[in-house]
PDB file of N, CA and C in Angstrom:
ATOM      1  N   UNK A   1     -42.684 -66.988 -29.277  1.00  0.00           N
ATOM      2  CA  UNK A   1     -43.461 -66.642 -28.000  1.00  0.00           C
ATOM      3  C   UNK A   1     -42.693 -66.749 -26.721  1.00  0.00           C
ATOM      4  N   UNK A   2     -41.707 -67.513 -26.692  1.00  0.00           N
ATOM      5  CA  UNK A   2     -40.811 -67.565 -25.389  1.00  0.00           C
ATOM      6  C   UNK A   2     -40.170 -66.157 -25.316  1.00  0.00           C
ATOM      7  N   UNK A   3     -39.749 -65.673 -26.429  1.00  0.00           N
ATOM      8  CA  UNK A   3     -38.898 -64.350 -26.397  1.00  0.00           C
ATOM      9  C   UNK A   3     -39.898 -63.300 -26.059  1.00  0.00           C
ATOM     10  N   UNK A   4     -41.089 -63.356 -26.308  1.00  0.00           N
ATOM     11  CA  UNK A   4     -42.049 -62.395 -26.103  1.00  0.00           C
ATOM     12  C   UNK A   4     -42.443 -62.333 -24.476  1.00  0.00           C
ATOM     13  N   UNK A   5     -42.529 -63.471 -23.957  1.00  0.00           N
ATOM     14  CA  UNK A   5     -42.737 -63.714 -22.535  1.00  0.00           C
ATOM     15  C   UNK A   5     -41.647 -63.264 -21.722  1.00  0.00           C
ATOM     16  N   UNK A   6     -40.387 -63.659 -22.100  1.00  0.00           N
ATOM     17  CA  UNK A   6     -39.112 -63.128 -21.544  1.00  0.00           C
ATOM     18  C   UNK A   6     -39.022 -61.702 -21.509  1.00  0.00           C
ATOM     19  N   UNK A   7     -39.218 -61.094 -22.612  1.00  0.00           N
ATOM     20  CA  UNK A   7     -39.280 -59.622 -22.798  1.00  0.00           C
ATOM     21  C   UNK A   7     -40.194 -58.940 -21.876  1.00  0.00           C
ATOM     22  N   UNK A   8     -41.523 -59.377 -21.703  1.00  0.00           N
ATOM     23  CA  UNK A   8     -42.502 -58.944 -20.960  1.00  0.00           C
ATOM     24  C   UNK A   8     -42.184 -58.938 -19.577  1.00  0.00           C
ATOM     25  N   UNK A   9     -41.577 -60.135 -19.201  1.00  0.00           N
ATOM     26  CA  UNK A   9     -41.228 -60.462 -17.662  1.00  0.00           C
ATOM     27  C   UNK A   9     -40.011 -59.522 -17.302  1.00  0.00           C
ATOM     28  N   UNK A  10     -39.058 -59.405 -18.130  1.00  0.00           N
ATOM     29  CA  UNK A  10     -37.960 -58.431 -18.136  1.00  0.00           C
ATOM     30  C   UNK A  10     -38.439 -56.988 -17.906  1.00  0.00           C
ATOM     31  N   UNK A  11     -39.310 -56.502 -18.699  1.00  0.00           N
ATOM     32  CA  UNK A  11     -39.877 -55.216 -18.596  1.00  0.00           C
ATOM     33  C   UNK A  11     -40.562 -54.906 -17.218  1.00  0.00           C
ATOM     34  N   UNK A  12     -41.351 -55.963 -16.725  1.00  0.00           N
ATOM     35  CA  UNK A  12     -41.914 -55.858 -15.343  1.00  0.00           C
ATOM     36  C   UNK A  12     -40.989 -55.885 -14.339  1.00  0.00           C
ATOM     37  N   UNK A  13     -39.693 -56.459 -14.390  1.00  0.00           N
ATOM     38  CA  UNK A  13     -38.828 -56.570 -13.447  1.00  0.00           C
ATOM     39  C   UNK A  13     -37.910 -55.300 -13.390  1.00  0.00           C
ATOM     40  N   UNK A  14     -37.770 -54.608 -14.452  1.00  0.00           N
ATOM     41  CA  UNK A  14     -37.205 -53.459 -14.665  1.00  0.00           C
ATOM     42  C   UNK A  14     -37.924 -52.169 -14.035  1.00  0.00           C
ATOM     43  N   UNK A  15     -39.338 -52.265 -14.111  1.00  0.00           N
ATOM     44  CA  UNK A  15     -40.171 -51.391 -13.724  1.00  0.00           C
ATOM     45  C   UNK A  15     -40.290 -51.423 -12.252  1.00  0.00           C
ATOM     46  N   UNK A  16     -40.356 -52.704 -11.695  1.00  0.00           N
ATOM     47  CA  UNK A  16     -40.330 -52.822 -10.210  1.00  0.00           C
ATOM     48  C   UNK A  16     -39.173 -52.470  -9.589  1.00  0.00           C
ATOM     49  N   UNK A  17     -38.101 -52.784 -10.100  1.00  0.00           N
ATOM     50  CA  UNK A  17     -36.696 -52.415  -9.475  1.00  0.00           C
ATOM     51  C   UNK A  17     -36.458 -50.801  -9.497  1.00  0.00           C
ATOM     52  N   UNK A  18     -36.905 -50.249 -10.614  1.00  0.00           N
ATOM     53  CA  UNK A  18     -36.787 -48.835 -10.583  1.00  0.00           C
ATOM     54  C   UNK A  18     -37.657 -48.098  -9.586  1.00  0.00           C
ATOM     55  N   UNK A  19     -38.871 -48.702  -9.348  1.00  0.00           N
ATOM     56  CA  UNK A  19     -39.722 -48.100  -8.307  1.00  0.00           C
ATOM     57  C   UNK A  19     -39.090 -48.380  -6.921  1.00  0.00           C
ATOM     58  N   UNK A  20     -38.632 -49.548  -6.711  1.00  0.00           N
ATOM     59  CA  UNK A  20     -37.883 -49.849  -5.395  1.00  0.00           C
ATOM     60  C   UNK A  20     -36.830 -48.972  -5.204  1.00  0.00           C
ATOM     61  N   UNK A  21     -35.939 -48.670  -6.266  1.00  0.00           N
ATOM     62  CA  UNK A  21     -34.868 -47.744  -6.045  1.00  0.00           C
ATOM     63  C   UNK A  21     -35.269 -46.387  -5.695  1.00  0.00           C
ATOM     64  N   UNK A  22     -36.332 -45.952  -6.215  1.00  0.00           N
ATOM     65  CA  UNK A  22     -36.908 -44.481  -6.010  1.00  0.00           C
ATOM     66  C   UNK A  22     -37.417 -44.405  -4.499  1.00  0.00           C
ATOM     67  N   UNK A  23     -38.028 -45.387  -3.985  1.00  0.00           N
ATOM     68  CA  UNK A  23     -38.615 -45.317  -2.575  1.00  0.00           C
ATOM     69  C   UNK A  23     -37.572 -45.856  -1.715  1.00  0.00           C
ATOM     70  N   UNK A  24     -37.140 -45.047  -0.794  1.00  0.00           N
ATOM     71  CA  UNK A  24     -36.149 -45.479   0.243  1.00  0.00           C
ATOM     72  C   UNK A  24     -36.838 -45.197   1.635  1.00  0.00           C
ATOM     73  N   UNK A  25     -36.374 -46.069   2.469  1.00  0.00           N
ATOM     74  CA  UNK A  25     -36.835 -45.927   3.979  1.00  0.00           C
ATOM     75  C   UNK A  25     -35.957 -44.859   4.523  1.00  0.00           C
ATOM     76  N   UNK A  26     -36.687 -43.810   4.973  1.00  0.00           N
ATOM     77  CA  UNK A  26     -36.112 -42.710   5.734  1.00  0.00           C
ATOM     78  C   UNK A  26     -36.665 -42.766   7.243  1.00  0.00           C
ATOM     79  N   UNK A  27     -35.921 -42.149   8.015  1.00  0.00           N
ATOM     80  CA  UNK A  27     -36.382 -42.137   9.475  1.00  0.00           C
ATOM     81  C   UNK A  27     -36.351 -40.755  10.071  1.00  0.00           C
ATOM     82  N   UNK A  28     -37.349 -40.526  10.931  1.00  0.00           N
ATOM     83  CA  UNK A  28     -37.375 -38.958  11.446  1.00  0.00           C
ATOM     84  C   UNK A  28     -38.015 -39.178  12.836  1.00  0.00           C
ATOM     85  N   UNK A  29     -37.603 -38.065  13.607  1.00  0.00           N
ATOM     86  CA  UNK A  29     -38.326 -38.109  14.885  1.00  0.00           C
ATOM     87  C   UNK A  29     -38.764 -36.569  15.155  1.00  0.00           C
ATOM     88  N   UNK A  30     -39.937 -36.374  15.703  1.00  0.00           N
ATOM     89  CA  UNK A  30     -40.378 -35.167  16.009  1.00  0.00           C
ATOM     90  C   UNK A  30     -41.401 -35.100  17.123  1.00  0.00           C
ATOM     91  N   UNK A  31     -41.418 -33.925  17.747  1.00  0.00           N
ATOM     92  CA  UNK A  31     -42.348 -33.712  18.882  1.00  0.00           C
ATOM     93  C   UNK A  31     -43.835 -33.784  18.536  1.00  0.00           C
ATOM     94  N   UNK A  32     -44.668 -34.516  19.341  1.00  0.00           N
ATOM     95  CA  UNK A  32     -46.114 -34.539  19.087  1.00  0.00           C
ATOM     96  C   UNK A  32     -46.515 -34.418  20.494  1.00  0.00           C
ATOM     97  N   UNK A  33     -47.455 -33.416  20.835  1.00  0.00           N
ATOM     98  CA  UNK A  33     -48.014 -33.248  22.050  1.00  0.00           C
ATOM     99  C   UNK A  33     -49.098 -34.244  22.371  1.00  0.00           C
ATOM    100  N   UNK A  34     -49.135 -34.699  23.656  1.00  0.00           N
ATOM    101  CA  UNK A  34     -50.086 -35.721  24.191  1.00  0.00           C
ATOM    102  C   UNK A  34     -49.777 -36.032  25.652  1.00  0.00           C
ATOM    103  N   UNK A  35     -50.499 -36.845  26.158  1.00  0.00           N
ATOM    104  CA  UNK A  35     -50.590 -37.072  27.704  1.00  0.00           C
ATOM    105  C   UNK A  35     -50.515 -38.613  28.110  1.00  0.00           C
ATOM    106  N   UNK A  36     -51.178 -39.415  27.218  1.00  0.00           N
ATOM    107  CA  UNK A  36     -51.353 -40.790  27.996  1.00  0.00           C
ATOM    108  C   UNK A  36     -51.423 -41.733  26.876  1.00  0.00           C
ATOM    109  N   UNK A  37     -51.941 -43.086  27.354  1.00  0.00           N
ATOM    110  CA  UNK A  37     -51.813 -44.146  26.379  1.00  0.00           C
ATOM    111  C   UNK A  37     -52.885 -44.022  25.227  1.00  0.00           C
ATOM    112  N   UNK A  38     -53.956 -43.252  25.592  1.00  0.00           N
ATOM    113  CA  UNK A  38     -54.986 -43.066  24.439  1.00  0.00           C
ATOM    114  C   UNK A  38     -54.470 -42.005  23.476  1.00  0.00           C
ATOM    115  N   UNK A  39     -53.580 -41.025  23.865  1.00  0.00           N
ATOM    116  CA  UNK A  39     -53.056 -40.292  23.075  1.00  0.00           C
ATOM    117  C   UNK A  39     -52.016 -41.170  22.153  1.00  0.00           C
ATOM    118  N   UNK A  40     -51.245 -41.932  22.725  1.00  0.00           N
ATOM    119  CA  UNK A  40     -50.264 -42.803  22.004  1.00  0.00           C
ATOM    120  C   UNK A  40     -50.939 -43.663  20.944  1.00  0.00           C
ATOM    121  N   UNK A  41     -52.170 -44.242  21.211  1.00  0.00           N
ATOM    122  CA  UNK A  41     -52.972 -45.023  20.435  1.00  0.00           C
ATOM    123  C   UNK A  41     -53.345 -44.278  19.238  1.00  0.00           C
ATOM    124  N   UNK A  42     -53.861 -43.017  19.434  1.00  0.00           N
ATOM    125  CA  UNK A  42     -54.437 -42.227  18.391  1.00  0.00           C
ATOM    126  C   UNK A  42     -53.323 -41.626  17.422  1.00  0.00           C
ATOM    127  N   UNK A  43     -52.313 -41.252  18.104  1.00  0.00           N
ATOM    128  CA  UNK A  43     -51.247 -40.810  17.267  1.00  0.00           C
ATOM    129  C   UNK A  43     -50.575 -41.912  16.444  1.00  0.00           C
ATOM    130  N   UNK A  44     -50.213 -43.041  16.939  1.00  0.00           N
ATOM    131  CA  UNK A  44     -49.777 -44.028  16.167  1.00  0.00           C
ATOM    132  C   UNK A  44     -50.786 -44.610  15.101  1.00  0.00           C
ATOM    133  N   UNK A  45     -52.107 -44.561  15.413  1.00  0.00           N
ATOM    134  CA  UNK A  45     -53.092 -45.060  14.396  1.00  0.00           C
ATOM    135  C   UNK A  45     -53.238 -44.020  13.164  1.00  0.00           C
ATOM    136  N   UNK A  46     -52.942 -42.723  13.551  1.00  0.00           N
ATOM    137  CA  UNK A  46     -52.878 -41.711  12.484  1.00  0.00           C
ATOM    138  C   UNK A  46     -51.705 -41.990  11.494  1.00  0.00           C
ATOM    139  N   UNK A  47     -50.748 -42.602  11.866  1.00  0.00           N
ATOM    140  CA  UNK A  47     -49.550 -42.970  11.144  1.00  0.00           C
ATOM    141  C   UNK A  47     -49.657 -44.337  10.390  1.00  0.00           C
ATOM    142  N   UNK A  48     -50.674 -45.042  10.498  1.00  0.00           N
ATOM    143  CA  UNK A  48     -50.884 -46.426   9.829  1.00  0.00           C
ATOM    144  C   UNK A  48     -51.309 -46.334   8.613  1.00  0.00           C
ATOM    145  N   UNK A  49     -50.431 -45.845   7.638  1.00  0.00           N
ATOM    146  CA  UNK A  49     -50.710 -45.806   6.137  1.00  0.00           C
ATOM    147  C   UNK A  49     -49.444 -46.586   5.497  1.00  0.00           C
ATOM    148  N   UNK A  50     -49.868 -46.984   4.218  1.00  0.00           N
ATOM    149  CA  UNK A  50     -48.820 -47.950   3.599  1.00  0.00           C
ATOM    150  C   UNK A  50     -47.455 -47.389   3.546  1.00  0.00           C
ATOM    151  N   UNK A  51     -47.346 -46.035   3.487  1.00  0.00           N
ATOM    152  CA  UNK A  51     -45.894 -45.491   3.320  1.00  0.00           C
ATOM    153  C   UNK A  51     -45.205 -45.508   4.610  1.00  0.00           C
ATOM    154  N   UNK A  52     -45.836 -45.634   5.788  1.00  0.00           N
ATOM    155  CA  UNK A  52     -45.185 -45.685   7.092  1.00  0.00           C
ATOM    156  C   UNK A  52     -44.878 -47.088   7.424  1.00  0.00           C
ATOM    157  N   UNK A  53     -43.572 -47.399   7.633  1.00  0.00           N
ATOM    158  CA  UNK A  53     -43.311 -48.747   8.085  1.00  0.00           C
ATOM    159  C   UNK A  53     -43.195 -49.045   9.601  1.00  0.00           C
ATOM    160  N   UNK A  54     -42.982 -47.884  10.189  1.00  0.00           N
ATOM    161  CA  UNK A  54     -42.797 -47.916  11.834  1.00  0.00           C
ATOM    162  C   UNK A  54     -43.175 -46.638  12.278  1.00  0.00           C
ATOM    163  N   UNK A  55     -43.890 -46.623  13.517  1.00  0.00           N
ATOM    164  CA  UNK A  55     -44.230 -45.381  14.164  1.00  0.00           C
ATOM    165  C   UNK A  55     -44.499 -45.704  15.531  1.00  0.00           C
ATOM    166  N   UNK A  56     -43.708 -45.073  16.453  1.00  0.00           N
ATOM    167  CA  UNK A  56     -43.855 -45.172  17.932  1.00  0.00           C
ATOM    168  C   UNK A  56     -43.762 -43.828  18.491  1.00  0.00           C
ATOM    169  N   UNK A  57     -44.765 -43.627  19.527  1.00  0.00           N
ATOM    170  CA  UNK A  57     -44.805 -42.276  20.159  1.00  0.00           C
ATOM    171  C   UNK A  57     -44.424 -42.663  21.598  1.00  0.00           C
ATOM    172  N   UNK A  58     -43.420 -41.822  22.218  1.00  0.00           N
ATOM    173  CA  UNK A  58     -43.043 -42.044  23.624  1.00  0.00           C
ATOM    174  C   UNK A  58     -43.777 -40.982  24.407  1.00  0.00           C
ATOM    175  N   UNK A  59     -44.540 -41.554  25.424  1.00  0.00           N
ATOM    176  CA  UNK A  59     -45.181 -40.554  26.331  1.00  0.00           C
ATOM    177  C   UNK A  59     -44.334 -39.621  27.125  1.00  0.00           C
ATOM    178  N   UNK A  60     -43.246 -40.077  27.703  1.00  0.00           N
ATOM    179  CA  UNK A  60     -42.466 -39.308  28.440  1.00  0.00           C
ATOM    180  C   UNK A  60     -41.627 -38.199  27.748  1.00  0.00           C
ATOM    181  N   UNK A  61     -41.221 -38.505  26.529  1.00  0.00           N
ATOM    182  CA  UNK A  61     -40.420 -37.504  25.808  1.00  0.00           C
ATOM    183  C   UNK A  61     -41.377 -36.734  24.799  1.00  0.00           C
ATOM    184  N   UNK A  62     -42.434 -37.180  24.417  1.00  0.00           N
ATOM    185  CA  UNK A  62     -43.458 -36.746  23.427  1.00  0.00           C
ATOM    186  C   UNK A  62     -42.904 -36.665  22.055  1.00  0.00           C
ATOM    187  N   UNK A  63     -41.970 -37.619  21.797  1.00  0.00           N
ATOM    188  CA  UNK A  63     -41.329 -37.739  20.610  1.00  0.00           C
ATOM    189  C   UNK A  63     -41.907 -38.880  19.740  1.00  0.00           C
ATOM    190  N   UNK A  64     -42.246 -38.695  18.609  1.00  0.00           N
ATOM    191  CA  UNK A  64     -42.710 -39.660  17.570  1.00  0.00           C
ATOM    192  C   UNK A  64     -41.575 -40.160  16.626  1.00  0.00           C
ATOM    193  N   UNK A  65     -41.121 -41.438  16.706  1.00  0.00           N
ATOM    194  CA  UNK A  65     -40.131 -41.909  15.722  1.00  0.00           C
ATOM    195  C   UNK A  65     -40.960 -42.624  14.594  1.00  0.00           C
ATOM    196  N   UNK A  66     -40.552 -42.305  13.435  1.00  0.00           N
ATOM    197  CA  UNK A  66     -41.126 -42.975  12.299  1.00  0.00           C
ATOM    198  C   UNK A  66     -40.168 -43.459  11.300  1.00  0.00           C
ATOM    199  N   UNK A  67     -40.475 -44.413  10.520  1.00  0.00           N
ATOM    200  CA  UNK A  67     -39.657 -45.055   9.386  1.00  0.00           C
ATOM    201  C   UNK A  67     -40.630 -44.957   8.270  1.00  0.00           C
ATOM    202  N   UNK A  68     -40.298 -44.189   7.151  1.00  0.00           N
ATOM    203  CA  UNK A  68     -41.312 -44.226   6.110  1.00  0.00           C
ATOM    204  C   UNK A  68     -40.569 -44.141   4.613  1.00  0.00           C
ATOM    205  N   UNK A  69     -41.402 -44.366   3.797  1.00  0.00           N
ATOM    206  CA  UNK A  69     -40.836 -44.377   2.324  1.00  0.00           C
ATOM    207  C   UNK A  69     -40.769 -43.042   1.925  1.00  0.00           C
ATOM    208  N   UNK A  70     -39.574 -42.678   1.507  1.00  0.00           N
ATOM    209  CA  UNK A  70     -39.297 -41.329   0.926  1.00  0.00           C
ATOM    210  C   UNK A  70     -38.926 -41.581  -0.564  1.00  0.00           C
ATOM    211  N   UNK A  71     -39.375 -40.766  -1.435  1.00  0.00           N
ATOM    212  CA  UNK A  71     -40.257 -39.569  -1.315  1.00  0.00           C
ATOM    213  C   UNK A  71     -41.621 -39.705  -1.380  1.00  0.00           C
ATOM    214  N   UNK A  72     -42.108 -40.928  -1.152  1.00  0.00           N
ATOM    215  CA  UNK A  72     -43.509 -41.027  -1.265  1.00  0.00           C
ATOM    216  C   UNK A  72     -44.393 -40.217  -0.199  1.00  0.00           C
ATOM    217  N   UNK A  73     -43.728 -39.913   0.843  1.00  0.00           N
ATOM    218  CA  UNK A  73     -44.385 -39.256   1.857  1.00  0.00           C
ATOM    219  C   UNK A  73     -43.257 -38.435   2.656  1.00  0.00           C
ATOM    220  N   UNK A  74     -43.756 -37.309   3.144  1.00  0.00           N
ATOM    221  CA  UNK A  74     -42.721 -36.355   3.924  1.00  0.00           C
ATOM    222  C   UNK A  74     -43.082 -36.205   5.372  1.00  0.00           C
ATOM    223  N   UNK A  75     -42.132 -35.857   6.149  1.00  0.00           N
ATOM    224  CA  UNK A  75     -42.246 -35.508   7.545  1.00  0.00           C
ATOM    225  C   UNK A  75     -43.295 -34.497   7.809  1.00  0.00           C
ATOM    226  N   UNK A  76     -43.358 -33.386   6.886  1.00  0.00           N
ATOM    227  CA  UNK A  76     -44.370 -32.464   7.011  1.00  0.00           C
ATOM    228  C   UNK A  76     -45.804 -32.948   6.791  1.00  0.00           C
ATOM    229  N   UNK A  77     -46.029 -33.954   6.012  1.00  0.00           N
ATOM    230  CA  UNK A  77     -47.343 -34.560   5.896  1.00  0.00           C
ATOM    231  C   UNK A  77     -47.654 -35.531   7.003  1.00  0.00           C
ATOM    232  N   UNK A  78     -46.697 -36.078   7.694  1.00  0.00           N
ATOM    233  CA  UNK A  78     -46.798 -36.827   8.992  1.00  0.00           C
ATOM    234  C   UNK A  78     -47.225 -35.971   9.994  1.00  0.00           C
ATOM    235  N   UNK A  79     -46.469 -34.810  10.243  1.00  0.00           N
ATOM    236  CA  UNK A  79     -46.852 -33.918  11.264  1.00  0.00           C
ATOM    237  C   UNK A  79     -48.332 -33.484  11.013  1.00  0.00           C
ATOM    238  N   UNK A  80     -48.735 -33.216   9.897  1.00  0.00           N
ATOM    239  CA  UNK A  80     -50.169 -32.721   9.710  1.00  0.00           C
ATOM    240  C   UNK A  80     -51.021 -33.894   9.923  1.00  0.00           C
ATOM    241  N   UNK A  81     -50.776 -35.052   9.796  1.00  0.00           N
ATOM    242  CA  UNK A  81     -51.628 -36.144  10.087  1.00  0.00           C
ATOM    243  C   UNK A  81     -51.940 -36.169  11.544  1.00  0.00           C
ATOM    244  N   UNK A  82     -50.955 -35.981  12.253  1.00  0.00           N
ATOM    245  CA  UNK A  82     -50.936 -35.994  13.811  1.00  0.00           C
ATOM    246  C   UNK A  82     -51.951 -34.696  14.242  1.00  0.00           C
ATOM    247  N   UNK A  83     -51.689 -33.593  13.616  1.00  0.00           N
ATOM    248  CA  UNK A  83     -52.492 -32.558  14.007  1.00  0.00           C
ATOM    249  C   UNK A  83     -54.007 -32.652  13.664  1.00  0.00           C
ATOM    250  N   UNK A  84     -54.139 -33.422  12.575  1.00  0.00           N
ATOM    251  CA  UNK A  84     -55.532 -33.640  12.111  1.00  0.00           C
ATOM    252  C   UNK A  84     -56.531 -34.403  13.241  1.00  0.00           C
ATOM    253  N   UNK A  85     -55.682 -35.259  13.861  1.00  0.00           N
ATOM    254  CA  UNK A  85     -56.456 -36.190  14.940  1.00  0.00           C
ATOM    255  C   UNK A  85     -56.311 -35.533  16.302  1.00  0.00           C
ATOM    256  N   UNK A  86     -55.890 -34.179  16.449  1.00  0.00           N
ATOM    257  CA  UNK A  86     -55.872 -33.384  17.665  1.00  0.00           C
ATOM    258  C   UNK A  86     -54.570 -33.311  18.508  1.00  0.00           C
ATOM    259  N   UNK A  87     -53.526 -33.522  17.798  1.00  0.00           N
ATOM    260  CA  UNK A  87     -52.169 -33.304  18.548  1.00  0.00           C
ATOM    261  C   UNK A  87     -51.249 -32.496  17.923  1.00  0.00           C
ATOM    262  N   UNK A  88     -50.882 -31.364  18.577  1.00  0.00           N
ATOM    263  CA  UNK A  88     -50.021 -30.443  18.081  1.00  0.00           C
ATOM    264  C   UNK A  88     -48.700 -31.049  17.692  1.00  0.00           C
ATOM    265  N   UNK A  89     -47.992 -30.459  16.820  1.00  0.00           N
ATOM    266  CA  UNK A  89     -46.683 -30.858  16.342  1.00  0.00           C
ATOM    267  C   UNK A  89     -45.825 -29.542  16.221  1.00  0.00           C
ATOM    268  N   UNK A  90     -44.501 -29.628  16.025  1.00  0.00           N
ATOM    269  CA  UNK A  90     -43.750 -28.477  15.936  1.00  0.00           C
ATOM    270  C   UNK A  90     -44.207 -27.567  14.822  1.00  0.00           C
ATOM    271  N   UNK A  91     -44.899 -27.961  13.841  1.00  0.00           N
ATOM    272  CA  UNK A  91     -45.257 -27.346  12.721  1.00  0.00           C
ATOM    273  C   UNK A  91     -46.699 -26.981  12.641  1.00  0.00           C
ATOM    274  N   UNK A  92     -47.508 -27.814  13.010  1.00  0.00           N
ATOM    275  CA  UNK A  92     -48.871 -27.751  12.915  1.00  0.00           C
ATOM    276  C   UNK A  92     -49.594 -27.744  14.344  1.00  0.00           C
ATOM    277  N   UNK A  93     -50.535 -26.993  14.418  1.00  0.00           N
ATOM    278  CA  UNK A  93     -51.528 -26.953  15.851  1.00  0.00           C
ATOM    279  C   UNK A  93     -52.792 -27.529  15.314  1.00  0.00           C
ATOM    280  N   UNK A  94     -53.229 -28.522  16.191  1.00  0.00           N
ATOM    281  CA  UNK A  94     -54.522 -29.137  16.077  1.00  0.00           C
ATOM    282  C   UNK A  94     -55.670 -28.195  16.047  1.00  0.00           C
ATOM    283  N   UNK A  95     -56.748 -28.399  15.282  1.00  0.00           N
ATOM    284  CA  UNK A  95     -57.896 -27.624  15.292  1.00  0.00           C
ATOM    285  C   UNK A  95     -58.491 -27.537  16.592  1.00  0.00           C
ATOM    286  N   UNK A  96     -58.932 -26.377  17.142  1.00  0.00           N
ATOM    287  CA  UNK A  96     -59.456 -26.319  18.460  1.00  0.00           C
ATOM    288  C   UNK A  96     -60.602 -27.181  18.661  1.00  0.00           C
ATOM    289  N   UNK A  97     -61.504 -27.250  17.631  1.00  0.00           N
ATOM    290  CA  UNK A  97     -62.768 -28.091  17.793  1.00  0.00           C
ATOM    291  C   UNK A  97     -62.273 -29.584  17.932  1.00  0.00           C
ATOM    292  N   UNK A  98     -61.330 -30.054  17.188  1.00  0.00           N
ATOM    293  CA  UNK A  98     -61.014 -31.500  17.196  1.00  0.00           C
ATOM    294  C   UNK A  98     -60.255 -31.684  18.628  1.00  0.00           C
ATOM    295  N   UNK A  99     -59.438 -30.778  19.096  1.00  0.00           N
ATOM    296  CA  UNK A  99     -58.705 -30.827  20.462  1.00  0.00           C
ATOM    297  C   UNK A  99     -59.894 -30.949  21.453  1.00  0.00           C
ATOM    298  N   UNK A 100     -60.808 -29.991  21.392  1.00  0.00           N
ATOM    299  CA  UNK A 100     -61.951 -30.096  22.464  1.00  0.00           C
ATOM    300  C   UNK A 100     -62.551 -31.292  22.550  1.00  0.00           C
ATOM    301  N   UNK A 101     -62.727 -32.172  21.581  1.00  0.00           N
ATOM    302  CA  UNK A 101     -63.300 -33.360  21.497  1.00  0.00           C
ATOM    303  C   UNK A 101     -62.632 -34.674  22.069  1.00  0.00           C
ATOM    304  N   UNK A 102     -61.292 -34.356  22.389  1.00  0.00           N
ATOM    305  CA  UNK A 102     -60.416 -35.348  22.961  1.00  0.00           C
ATOM    306  C   UNK A 102     -60.819 -35.652  24.355  1.00  0.00           C
ATOM    307  N   UNK A 103     -60.764 -36.968  25.006  1.00  0.00           N
ATOM    308  CA  UNK A 103     -60.926 -37.293  26.464  1.00  0.00           C
ATOM    309  C   UNK A 103     -60.172 -36.182  27.276  1.00  0.00           C
ATOM    310  N   UNK A 104     -60.758 -35.929  28.441  1.00  0.00           N
ATOM    311  CA  UNK A 104     -60.102 -35.097  29.434  1.00  0.00           C
ATOM    312  C   UNK A 104     -58.672 -35.525  29.732  1.00  0.00           C
ATOM    313  N   UNK A 105     -58.329 -36.686  29.696  1.00  0.00           N
ATOM    314  CA  UNK A 105     -56.876 -37.039  30.217  1.00  0.00           C
ATOM    315  C   UNK A 105     -55.944 -36.476  29.017  1.00  0.00           C
ATOM    316  N   UNK A 106     -56.545 -36.422  27.824  1.00  0.00           N
ATOM    317  CA  UNK A 106     -55.515 -36.151  26.591  1.00  0.00           C
ATOM    318  C   UNK A 106     -55.507 -34.616  26.359  1.00  0.00           C
ATOM    319  N   UNK A 107     -56.120 -33.864  27.179  1.00  0.00           N
ATOM    320  CA  UNK A 107     -56.153 -32.292  26.859  1.00  0.00           C
ATOM    321  C   UNK A 107     -54.778 -31.776  27.475  1.00  0.00           C
ATOM    322  N   UNK A 108     -53.786 -32.045  26.569  1.00  0.00           N
ATOM    323  CA  UNK A 108     -52.350 -31.582  27.061  1.00  0.00           C
ATOM    324  C   UNK A 108     -52.097 -30.226  27.079  1.00  0.00           C
ATOM    325  N   UNK A 109     -52.982 -29.317  26.354  1.00  0.00           N
ATOM    326  CA  UNK A 109     -52.795 -27.843  26.482  1.00  0.00           C
ATOM    327  C   UNK A 109     -53.225 -27.338  27.714  1.00  0.00           C
ATOM    328  N   UNK A 110     -54.178 -28.082  28.295  1.00  0.00           N
ATOM    329  CA  UNK A 110     -54.839 -27.594  29.657  1.00  0.00           C
ATOM    330  C   UNK A 110     -54.184 -28.154  30.920  1.00  0.00           C
ATOM    331  N   UNK A 111     -53.657 -29.411  30.814  1.00  0.00           N
ATOM    332  CA  UNK A 111     -52.945 -30.082  31.854  1.00  0.00           C
ATOM    333  C   UNK A 111     -52.184 -31.175  31.457  1.00  0.00           C
ATOM    334  N   UNK A 112     -51.598 -31.849  32.605  1.00  0.00           N
ATOM    335  CA  UNK A 112     -50.693 -32.759  32.076  1.00  0.00           C
ATOM    336  C   UNK A 112     -51.150 -34.237  32.980  1.00  0.00           C
ATOM    337  N   UNK A 113     -52.599 -34.434  33.088  1.00  0.00           N
ATOM    338  CA  UNK A 113     -53.032 -35.438  33.599  1.00  0.00           C
ATOM    339  C   UNK A 113     -52.807 -36.761  32.830  1.00  0.00           C
ATOM    340  N   UNK A 114     -52.527 -37.847  33.423  1.00  0.00           N
ATOM    341  CA  UNK A 114     -52.432 -38.987  32.607  1.00  0.00           C
ATOM    342  C   UNK A 114     -53.345 -40.108  33.410  1.00  0.00           C
ATOM    343  N   UNK A 115     -53.354 -41.250  32.799  1.00  0.00           N
ATOM    344  CA  UNK A 115     -54.222 -42.313  33.433  1.00  0.00           C
ATOM    345  C   UNK A 115     -53.446 -42.861  34.687  1.00  0.00           C
TER     346      UNK A 115
END
């Protein structure tokens, strides 16, 4: 019985370590359009998923820095997540209807107003 328990524990450990080796933390930085603190909160909230370990958007540079588990998620999918909530990226443009619903201060295509 002890052998069986030890074997079971060993197989779980091997499975876990294999998964841990396959998922590595990668870092990326890409442009996400926005104007203000509300934009920052919205963009960073869109990145709050289990595969993203860190996400910070800089209002002055319009750059989003992310640390994420690779290959569980890709930069392309992160750019798409930002566009879904109304913020253009280098690769994806936000849907016009979603963009139009942003607060006036967040309408980066129309002006550069900030709070």
